[in-house]
Amino acid sequence: MGTFYHQHEAYEFYLFLRGNVNFYIENSCFRLEPGDLLVIHPDEMHRSFSLDDSEYERITINLQKSYLNSLSTSSTNLSDCFDNRPKGKGNIVHLDESRRKQFLQIANHLEDVIASDAYGSDVLANSYIAQLLVLTNAVFKNADFTLRDIMPELVRKTMDYIESNLSQNISLEHLSAAFYLNSTYISRQFKKHTGLTLRSYILERRISLAKSYLREGFSITEACFQSGFSDYANFIRSFTKIAGISPGKFAKKKEQTFRS
């Protein structure tokens, strides 16, 4: 079992419990161990890939930025572990047995109150989520854990090349010339380790970049051409298909969220 690279319009934290899984974040890949805790920013592309049929168990929670802000205080920024690190770096810590039990206990309480309509269940849910976020941030602030990156060098270099040239024309010929390798070989290796064709990956990255420009207040036309699209109509179609919303509606939605 595997999933394609994807992004969420939310912050995600993910506790790995069991299985035989590789987890890909941006241009890195990690073999997960039970107790590994991951934090993923909305801008970070990621995927999980099960290497066999063994049982795959994890806990995932997705939270909107505005919700994190509502739980934070002037002295406790609960989005710290998501925001204050380089993109695609420092996403993983390992929970020892004590921390893991603590996390699971809170998560079980959260699951119970979410399923309940008893008086105060919404308040309790907020408190349990806040506890999980405090625990997660505390672990990340004190982490000295570094997991070995097992992404093949060719795939990482291909991703880096694409990232550096998103606003330019990128073709298989360009990649072949850059790495002195057969373009078919590059394509096959890339698909094997990312679950995406090069074309699909480039398109996903360009849409992600366009979203960033729109969040920053660029016009739709500016976002289109700055993110590497040469055809405006194709940009509108591609953005709407991948994001599930038109660029215009995305820009307005972000503007409303920012104002609120």
C-alpha atoms as a PDB file:
ATOM      1  CA  MET A   1       0.000   0.000   0.000  1.00  0.00           C
ATOM      2  CA  GLY A   2       1.213   3.461  -0.805  1.00  0.00           C
ATOM      3  CA  THR A   3       0.014   6.975  -1.409  1.00  0.00           C
ATOM      4  CA  PHE A   4       1.089   9.649  -3.830  1.00  0.00           C
ATOM      5  CA  TYR A   5       2.837  12.791  -2.677  1.00  0.00           C
ATOM      6  CA  HIS A   6       0.215  15.176  -1.381  1.00  0.00           C
ATOM      7  CA  GLN A   7      -0.331  18.230   0.797  1.00  0.00           C
ATOM      8  CA  HIS A   8      -3.044  19.237   3.254  1.00  0.00           C
ATOM      9  CA  GLU A   9      -4.529  22.676   3.826  1.00  0.00           C
ATOM     10  CA  ALA A  10      -3.839  22.062   7.499  1.00  0.00           C
ATOM     11  CA  TYR A  11      -1.086  21.273   9.976  1.00  0.00           C
ATOM     12  CA  GLU A  12      -0.689  17.552  10.605  1.00  0.00           C
ATOM     13  CA  PHE A  13       0.910  15.554  13.337  1.00  0.00           C
ATOM     14  CA  TYR A  14       1.356  11.845  12.938  1.00  0.00           C
ATOM     15  CA  LEU A  15       2.433   9.181  15.437  1.00  0.00           C
ATOM     16  CA  PHE A  16       3.675   5.943  13.879  1.00  0.00           C
ATOM     17  CA  LEU A  17       2.697   2.855  15.891  1.00  0.00           C
ATOM     18  CA  ARG A  18       3.405  -0.221  13.769  1.00  0.00           C
ATOM     19  CA  GLY A  19       4.131  -1.434  10.260  1.00  0.00           C
ATOM     20  CA  ASN A  20       6.943  -1.523   7.745  1.00  0.00           C
ATOM     21  CA  VAL A  21       6.768   1.954   6.278  1.00  0.00           C
ATOM     22  CA  ASN A  22       8.906   4.452   4.410  1.00  0.00           C
ATOM     23  CA  PHE A  23       7.800   8.042   4.886  1.00  0.00           C
ATOM     24  CA  TYR A  24       8.697  10.662   2.277  1.00  0.00           C
ATOM     25  CA  ILE A  25       8.809  14.378   3.120  1.00  0.00           C
ATOM     26  CA  GLU A  26       9.868  16.774   0.368  1.00  0.00           C
ATOM     27  CA  ASN A  27      13.212  15.403  -0.921  1.00  0.00           C
ATOM     28  CA  SER A  28      13.885  13.042   2.002  1.00  0.00           C
ATOM     29  CA  CYS A  29      12.814   9.504   2.878  1.00  0.00           C
ATOM     30  CA  PHE A  30      12.845   7.800   6.280  1.00  0.00           C
ATOM     31  CA  ARG A  31      12.224   4.247   7.495  1.00  0.00           C
ATOM     32  CA  LEU A  32       9.873   4.740  10.440  1.00  0.00           C
ATOM     33  CA  GLU A  33      10.149   3.087  13.834  1.00  0.00           C
ATOM     34  CA  PRO A  34       7.255   2.705  16.311  1.00  0.00           C
ATOM     35  CA  GLY A  35       7.124   5.873  18.393  1.00  0.00           C
ATOM     36  CA  ASP A  36       8.305   8.213  15.631  1.00  0.00           C
ATOM     37  CA  LEU A  37       6.312  11.463  15.788  1.00  0.00           C
ATOM     38  CA  LEU A  38       6.081  13.628  12.662  1.00  0.00           C
ATOM     39  CA  VAL A  39       4.900  17.199  12.211  1.00  0.00           C
ATOM     40  CA  ILE A  40       3.973  18.353   8.699  1.00  0.00           C
ATOM     41  CA  HIS A  41       3.377  21.922   7.532  1.00  0.00           C
ATOM     42  CA  PRO A  42       0.709  22.575   4.845  1.00  0.00           C
ATOM     43  CA  ASP A  43       3.479  23.528   2.382  1.00  0.00           C
ATOM     44  CA  GLU A  44       5.308  20.203   2.796  1.00  0.00           C
ATOM     45  CA  MET A  45       4.638  17.449   0.249  1.00  0.00           C
ATOM     46  CA  HIS A  46       4.682  13.987   1.780  1.00  0.00           C
ATOM     47  CA  ARG A  47       3.642  10.379   1.323  1.00  0.00           C
ATOM     48  CA  SER A  48       3.727   7.095   3.212  1.00  0.00           C
ATOM     49  CA  PHE A  49       4.580   3.798   1.559  1.00  0.00           C
ATOM     50  CA  SER A  50       4.042   0.356   3.120  1.00  0.00           C
ATOM     51  CA  LEU A  51       6.822  -2.015   2.114  1.00  0.00           C
ATOM     52  CA  ASP A  52       4.785  -5.173   2.754  1.00  0.00           C
ATOM     53  CA  ASP A  53       1.377  -6.387   3.952  1.00  0.00           C
ATOM     54  CA  SER A  54       2.113  -6.097   7.667  1.00  0.00           C
ATOM     55  CA  GLU A  55      -0.418  -4.117   9.724  1.00  0.00           C
ATOM     56  CA  TYR A  56       0.069  -0.365   9.366  1.00  0.00           C
ATOM     57  CA  GLU A  57      -1.135   1.643  12.355  1.00  0.00           C
ATOM     58  CA  ARG A  58      -0.727   5.331  13.085  1.00  0.00           C
ATOM     59  CA  ILE A  59      -2.539   8.282  14.639  1.00  0.00           C
ATOM     60  CA  THR A  60      -2.993  11.401  12.504  1.00  0.00           C
ATOM     61  CA  ILE A  61      -4.544  14.712  13.499  1.00  0.00           C
ATOM     62  CA  ASN A  62      -5.050  17.657  11.133  1.00  0.00           C
ATOM     63  CA  LEU A  63      -5.563  21.173  12.492  1.00  0.00           C
ATOM     64  CA  GLN A  64      -6.190  24.518  10.829  1.00  0.00           C
ATOM     65  CA  LYS A  65      -3.768  27.382  11.490  1.00  0.00           C
ATOM     66  CA  SER A  66      -6.600  29.536  12.872  1.00  0.00           C
ATOM     67  CA  TYR A  67      -7.444  26.791  15.385  1.00  0.00           C
ATOM     68  CA  LEU A  68      -3.809  26.526  16.514  1.00  0.00           C
ATOM     69  CA  ASN A  69      -3.776  30.297  16.954  1.00  0.00           C
ATOM     70  CA  SER A  70      -6.936  30.163  19.078  1.00  0.00           C
ATOM     71  CA  LEU A  71      -5.315  27.639  21.444  1.00  0.00           C
ATOM     72  CA  SER A  72      -1.994  29.515  21.622  1.00  0.00           C
ATOM     73  CA  THR A  73      -1.151  32.320  24.036  1.00  0.00           C
ATOM     74  CA  SER A  74       1.317  35.207  23.977  1.00  0.00           C
ATOM     75  CA  SER A  75       3.898  33.005  25.707  1.00  0.00           C
ATOM     76  CA  THR A  76       3.027  29.627  24.124  1.00  0.00           C
ATOM     77  CA  ASN A  77       2.978  29.378  20.340  1.00  0.00           C
ATOM     78  CA  LEU A  78       1.582  25.915  19.597  1.00  0.00           C
ATOM     79  CA  SER A  79       2.502  26.065  15.895  1.00  0.00           C
ATOM     80  CA  ASP A  80       6.205  26.465  16.727  1.00  0.00           C
ATOM     81  CA  CYS A  81       7.130  22.879  15.851  1.00  0.00           C
ATOM     82  CA  PHE A  82       5.489  23.283  12.424  1.00  0.00           C
ATOM     83  CA  ASP A  83       6.706  26.762  11.504  1.00  0.00           C
ATOM     84  CA  ASN A  84      10.122  27.317  13.073  1.00  0.00           C
ATOM     85  CA  ARG A  85      12.260  24.981  10.994  1.00  0.00           C
ATOM     86  CA  PRO A  86      13.421  24.761   7.374  1.00  0.00           C
ATOM     87  CA  LYS A  87      10.936  23.294   4.905  1.00  0.00           C
ATOM     88  CA  GLY A  88      11.224  19.495   4.793  1.00  0.00           C
ATOM     89  CA  LYS A  89      13.745  19.386   7.647  1.00  0.00           C
ATOM     90  CA  GLY A  90      13.442  18.477  11.332  1.00  0.00           C
ATOM     91  CA  ASN A  91      10.024  16.852  10.902  1.00  0.00           C
ATOM     92  CA  ILE A  92      10.627  13.762  13.042  1.00  0.00           C
ATOM     93  CA  VAL A  93      11.366  13.009  16.683  1.00  0.00           C
ATOM     94  CA  HIS A  94      11.222   9.698  18.522  1.00  0.00           C
ATOM     95  CA  LEU A  95       9.046   9.331  21.622  1.00  0.00           C
ATOM     96  CA  ASP A  96      10.424   7.154  24.392  1.00  0.00           C
ATOM     97  CA  GLU A  97       8.082   4.641  26.041  1.00  0.00           C
ATOM     98  CA  SER A  98       6.896   7.107  28.696  1.00  0.00           C
ATOM     99  CA  ARG A  99       6.115   9.896  26.205  1.00  0.00           C
ATOM    100  CA  ARG A 100       4.474   7.442  23.834  1.00  0.00           C
ATOM    101  CA  LYS A 101       2.127   6.181  26.564  1.00  0.00           C
ATOM    102  CA  GLN A 102       1.346   9.778  27.509  1.00  0.00           C
ATOM    103  CA  PHE A 103       0.548  10.687  23.888  1.00  0.00           C
ATOM    104  CA  LEU A 104      -1.650   7.613  23.393  1.00  0.00           C
ATOM    105  CA  GLN A 105      -3.526   8.201  26.642  1.00  0.00           C
ATOM    106  CA  ILE A 106      -4.383  11.783  25.658  1.00  0.00           C
ATOM    107  CA  ALA A 107      -5.268  10.698  22.093  1.00  0.00           C
ATOM    108  CA  ASN A 108      -7.628   8.016  23.454  1.00  0.00           C
ATOM    109  CA  HIS A 109      -9.339  10.582  25.695  1.00  0.00           C
ATOM    110  CA  LEU A 110      -9.651  12.872  22.659  1.00  0.00           C
ATOM    111  CA  GLU A 111     -11.207  10.113  20.557  1.00  0.00           C
ATOM    112  CA  ASP A 112     -13.758   9.394  23.302  1.00  0.00           C
ATOM    113  CA  VAL A 113     -14.893  13.005  23.755  1.00  0.00           C
ATOM    114  CA  ILE A 114     -15.079  13.644  19.995  1.00  0.00           C
ATOM    115  CA  ALA A 115     -17.520  10.715  19.769  1.00  0.00           C
ATOM    116  CA  SER A 116     -19.534  12.014  22.712  1.00  0.00           C
ATOM    117  CA  ASP A 117     -22.294  14.614  22.865  1.00  0.00           C
ATOM    118  CA  ALA A 118     -22.079  14.905  26.650  1.00  0.00           C
ATOM    119  CA  TYR A 119     -21.962  18.305  28.297  1.00  0.00           C
ATOM    120  CA  GLY A 120     -18.522  19.892  27.967  1.00  0.00           C
ATOM    121  CA  SER A 121     -17.213  17.400  25.396  1.00  0.00           C
ATOM    122  CA  ASP A 122     -16.162  20.231  23.046  1.00  0.00           C
ATOM    123  CA  VAL A 123     -14.228  21.970  25.817  1.00  0.00           C
ATOM    124  CA  LEU A 124     -12.550  18.702  26.777  1.00  0.00           C
ATOM    125  CA  ALA A 125     -11.644  18.051  23.127  1.00  0.00           C
ATOM    126  CA  ASN A 126      -9.928  21.455  22.936  1.00  0.00           C
ATOM    127  CA  SER A 127      -8.037  20.736  26.144  1.00  0.00           C
ATOM    128  CA  TYR A 128      -6.815  17.333  24.940  1.00  0.00           C
ATOM    129  CA  ILE A 129      -5.668  18.763  21.599  1.00  0.00           C
ATOM    130  CA  ALA A 130      -3.856  21.544  23.480  1.00  0.00           C
ATOM    131  CA  GLN A 131      -2.160  18.895  25.657  1.00  0.00           C
ATOM    132  CA  LEU A 132      -1.020  16.964  22.587  1.00  0.00           C
ATOM    133  CA  LEU A 133       0.358  20.154  21.043  1.00  0.00           C
ATOM    134  CA  VAL A 134       2.192  21.118  24.240  1.00  0.00           C
ATOM    135  CA  LEU A 135       3.677  17.618  24.453  1.00  0.00           C
ATOM    136  CA  THR A 136       4.679  17.652  20.770  1.00  0.00           C
ATOM    137  CA  ASN A 137       6.295  21.091  20.937  1.00  0.00           C
ATOM    138  CA  ALA A 138       8.138  20.227  24.163  1.00  0.00           C
ATOM    139  CA  VAL A 139       9.582  17.053  22.597  1.00  0.00           C
ATOM    140  CA  PHE A 140      10.669  18.900  19.443  1.00  0.00           C
ATOM    141  CA  LYS A 141      12.301  21.722  21.429  1.00  0.00           C
ATOM    142  CA  ASN A 142      14.484  19.212  23.280  1.00  0.00           C
ATOM    143  CA  ALA A 143      15.093  16.802  20.388  1.00  0.00           C
ATOM    144  CA  ASP A 144      18.554  15.617  19.437  1.00  0.00           C
ATOM    145  CA  PHE A 145      17.190  12.762  17.325  1.00  0.00           C
ATOM    146  CA  THR A 146      18.292  12.485  13.703  1.00  0.00           C
ATOM    147  CA  LEU A 147      16.822   9.804  11.467  1.00  0.00           C
ATOM    148  CA  ARG A 148      18.915   8.601   8.524  1.00  0.00           C
ATOM    149  CA  ASP A 149      17.686   9.901   5.187  1.00  0.00           C
ATOM    150  CA  ILE A 150      17.435   6.975   2.731  1.00  0.00           C
ATOM    151  CA  MET A 151      16.185   8.855  -0.339  1.00  0.00           C
ATOM    152  CA  PRO A 152      18.254   7.787  -3.372  1.00  0.00           C
ATOM    153  CA  GLU A 153      20.655  10.561  -4.372  1.00  0.00           C
ATOM    154  CA  LEU A 154      19.359  10.708  -7.959  1.00  0.00           C
ATOM    155  CA  VAL A 155      15.756  11.308  -6.825  1.00  0.00           C
ATOM    156  CA  ARG A 156      16.839  13.950  -4.301  1.00  0.00           C
ATOM    157  CA  LYS A 157      18.954  15.731  -6.925  1.00  0.00           C
ATOM    158  CA  THR A 158      16.072  15.565  -9.406  1.00  0.00           C
ATOM    159  CA  MET A 159      13.733  17.150  -6.846  1.00  0.00           C
ATOM    160  CA  ASP A 160      16.291  19.843  -6.053  1.00  0.00           C
ATOM    161  CA  TYR A 161      16.754  20.587  -9.757  1.00  0.00           C
ATOM    162  CA  ILE A 162      12.986  20.880 -10.248  1.00  0.00           C
ATOM    163  CA  GLU A 163      12.641  23.144  -7.195  1.00  0.00           C
ATOM    164  CA  SER A 164      15.409  25.434  -8.447  1.00  0.00           C
ATOM    165  CA  ASN A 165      13.947  25.669 -11.955  1.00  0.00           C
ATOM    166  CA  LEU A 166      10.183  25.753 -11.371  1.00  0.00           C
ATOM    167  CA  SER A 167       9.754  29.079 -13.134  1.00  0.00           C
ATOM    168  CA  GLN A 168      11.692  27.783 -16.162  1.00  0.00           C
ATOM    169  CA  ASN A 169      10.894  25.190 -18.798  1.00  0.00           C
ATOM    170  CA  ILE A 170      11.781  21.744 -17.399  1.00  0.00           C
ATOM    171  CA  SER A 171      12.001  18.809 -19.784  1.00  0.00           C
ATOM    172  CA  LEU A 172      13.359  15.270 -19.698  1.00  0.00           C
ATOM    173  CA  GLU A 173      16.115  16.457 -22.024  1.00  0.00           C
ATOM    174  CA  HIS A 174      17.146  19.103 -19.478  1.00  0.00           C
ATOM    175  CA  LEU A 175      17.262  16.523 -16.684  1.00  0.00           C
ATOM    176  CA  SER A 176      19.197  14.058 -18.832  1.00  0.00           C
ATOM    177  CA  ALA A 177      21.759  16.724 -19.680  1.00  0.00           C
ATOM    178  CA  ALA A 178      22.026  17.869 -16.051  1.00  0.00           C
ATOM    179  CA  PHE A 179      22.716  14.383 -14.683  1.00  0.00           C
ATOM    180  CA  TYR A 180      24.365  12.707 -17.704  1.00  0.00           C
ATOM    181  CA  LEU A 181      21.831   9.893 -17.475  1.00  0.00           C
ATOM    182  CA  ASN A 182      19.206   8.364 -19.724  1.00  0.00           C
ATOM    183  CA  SER A 183      15.901  10.214 -19.328  1.00  0.00           C
ATOM    184  CA  THR A 184      13.893   6.968 -19.158  1.00  0.00           C
ATOM    185  CA  TYR A 185      16.032   5.747 -16.268  1.00  0.00           C
ATOM    186  CA  ILE A 186      15.541   9.040 -14.396  1.00  0.00           C
ATOM    187  CA  SER A 187      11.774   8.869 -14.968  1.00  0.00           C
ATOM    188  CA  ARG A 188      11.480   5.285 -13.754  1.00  0.00           C
ATOM    189  CA  GLN A 189      13.556   5.868 -10.631  1.00  0.00           C
ATOM    190  CA  PHE A 190      11.556   8.980  -9.831  1.00  0.00           C
ATOM    191  CA  LYS A 191       8.199   7.198 -10.229  1.00  0.00           C
ATOM    192  CA  LYS A 192       9.406   4.233  -8.166  1.00  0.00           C
ATOM    193  CA  HIS A 193      10.331   6.377  -5.154  1.00  0.00           C
ATOM    194  CA  THR A 194       7.735   9.155  -5.288  1.00  0.00           C
ATOM    195  CA  GLY A 195       4.673   7.443  -6.734  1.00  0.00           C
ATOM    196  CA  LEU A 196       4.382  10.284  -9.237  1.00  0.00           C
ATOM    197  CA  THR A 197       5.503  10.836 -12.795  1.00  0.00           C
ATOM    198  CA  LEU A 198       7.932  13.710 -13.281  1.00  0.00           C
ATOM    199  CA  ARG A 199       5.219  15.640 -15.118  1.00  0.00           C
ATOM    200  CA  SER A 200       2.746  15.214 -12.250  1.00  0.00           C
ATOM    201  CA  TYR A 201       5.344  16.151  -9.643  1.00  0.00           C
ATOM    202  CA  ILE A 202       6.379  19.315 -11.487  1.00  0.00           C
ATOM    203  CA  LEU A 203       2.726  20.296 -11.815  1.00  0.00           C
ATOM    204  CA  GLU A 204       2.099  19.703  -8.090  1.00  0.00           C
ATOM    205  CA  ARG A 205       5.130  21.821  -7.149  1.00  0.00           C
ATOM    206  CA  ARG A 206       4.074  24.650  -9.454  1.00  0.00           C
ATOM    207  CA  ILE A 207       0.565  24.692  -7.988  1.00  0.00           C
ATOM    208  CA  SER A 208       2.067  24.715  -4.492  1.00  0.00           C
ATOM    209  CA  LEU A 209       4.261  27.661  -5.478  1.00  0.00           C
ATOM    210  CA  ALA A 210       1.285  29.461  -7.011  1.00  0.00           C
ATOM    211  CA  LYS A 211      -0.627  29.017  -3.732  1.00  0.00           C
ATOM    212  CA  SER A 212       2.258  30.644  -1.870  1.00  0.00           C
ATOM    213  CA  TYR A 213       2.211  33.607  -4.247  1.00  0.00           C
ATOM    214  CA  LEU A 214      -1.559  33.979  -3.872  1.00  0.00           C
ATOM    215  CA  ARG A 215      -1.234  33.888  -0.070  1.00  0.00           C
ATOM    216  CA  GLU A 216       1.330  36.686  -0.345  1.00  0.00           C
ATOM    217  CA  GLY A 217      -1.146  38.826  -2.293  1.00  0.00           C
ATOM    218  CA  PHE A 218       0.127  38.339  -5.857  1.00  0.00           C
ATOM    219  CA  SER A 219      -2.479  38.639  -8.599  1.00  0.00           C
ATOM    220  CA  ILE A 220      -3.663  35.448 -10.318  1.00  0.00           C
ATOM    221  CA  THR A 221      -1.773  36.411 -13.480  1.00  0.00           C
ATOM    222  CA  GLU A 222       1.448  37.030 -11.515  1.00  0.00           C
ATOM    223  CA  ALA A 223       1.046  33.731  -9.626  1.00  0.00           C
ATOM    224  CA  CYS A 224       0.512  31.922 -12.926  1.00  0.00           C
ATOM    225  CA  PHE A 225       3.665  33.089 -14.700  1.00  0.00           C
ATOM    226  CA  GLN A 226       5.912  33.319 -11.599  1.00  0.00           C
ATOM    227  CA  SER A 227       5.218  29.651 -10.839  1.00  0.00           C
ATOM    228  CA  GLY A 228       6.284  28.489 -14.299  1.00  0.00           C
ATOM    229  CA  PHE A 229       3.053  28.301 -16.310  1.00  0.00           C
ATOM    230  CA  SER A 230       3.202  29.704 -19.821  1.00  0.00           C
ATOM    231  CA  ASP A 231      -0.513  29.292 -20.540  1.00  0.00           C
ATOM    232  CA  TYR A 232      -3.038  31.123 -18.333  1.00  0.00           C
ATOM    233  CA  ALA A 233      -6.015  28.886 -19.233  1.00  0.00           C
ATOM    234  CA  ASN A 234      -3.969  25.761 -18.479  1.00  0.00           C
ATOM    235  CA  PHE A 235      -2.971  27.269 -15.127  1.00  0.00           C
ATOM    236  CA  ILE A 236      -6.618  27.891 -14.160  1.00  0.00           C
ATOM    237  CA  ARG A 237      -7.608  24.345 -15.166  1.00  0.00           C
ATOM    238  CA  SER A 238      -4.633  22.706 -13.435  1.00  0.00           C
ATOM    239  CA  PHE A 239      -4.968  24.748 -10.245  1.00  0.00           C
ATOM    240  CA  THR A 240      -8.691  24.035  -9.955  1.00  0.00           C
ATOM    241  CA  LYS A 241      -8.218  20.314 -10.564  1.00  0.00           C
ATOM    242  CA  ILE A 242      -5.380  19.884  -8.049  1.00  0.00           C
ATOM    243  CA  ALA A 243      -6.485  22.354  -5.358  1.00  0.00           C
ATOM    244  CA  GLY A 244     -10.187  21.601  -5.735  1.00  0.00           C
ATOM    245  CA  ILE A 245     -10.883  25.328  -5.914  1.00  0.00           C
ATOM    246  CA  SER A 246     -10.222  28.029  -8.513  1.00  0.00           C
ATOM    247  CA  PRO A 247      -7.273  30.419  -8.001  1.00  0.00           C
ATOM    248  CA  GLY A 248      -9.718  33.310  -7.581  1.00  0.00           C
ATOM    249  CA  LYS A 249     -11.699  31.556  -4.853  1.00  0.00           C
ATOM    250  CA  PHE A 250      -8.463  30.377  -3.198  1.00  0.00           C
ATOM    251  CA  ALA A 251      -7.152  33.950  -3.052  1.00  0.00           C
ATOM    252  CA  LYS A 252     -10.434  35.260  -1.607  1.00  0.00           C
ATOM    253  CA  LYS A 253     -10.605  32.434   0.923  1.00  0.00           C
ATOM    254  CA  LYS A 254      -7.075  33.172   2.132  1.00  0.00           C
ATOM    255  CA  GLU A 255      -7.852  36.869   2.314  1.00  0.00           C
ATOM    256  CA  GLN A 256     -10.952  36.183   4.444  1.00  0.00           C
ATOM    257  CA  THR A 257      -9.018  33.819   6.707  1.00  0.00           C
ATOM    258  CA  PHE A 258      -6.303  36.407   7.174  1.00  0.00           C
ATOM    259  CA  ARG A 259      -8.814  39.143   8.043  1.00  0.00           C
ATOM    260  CA  SER A 260     -10.699  36.932  10.463  1.00  0.00           C
END
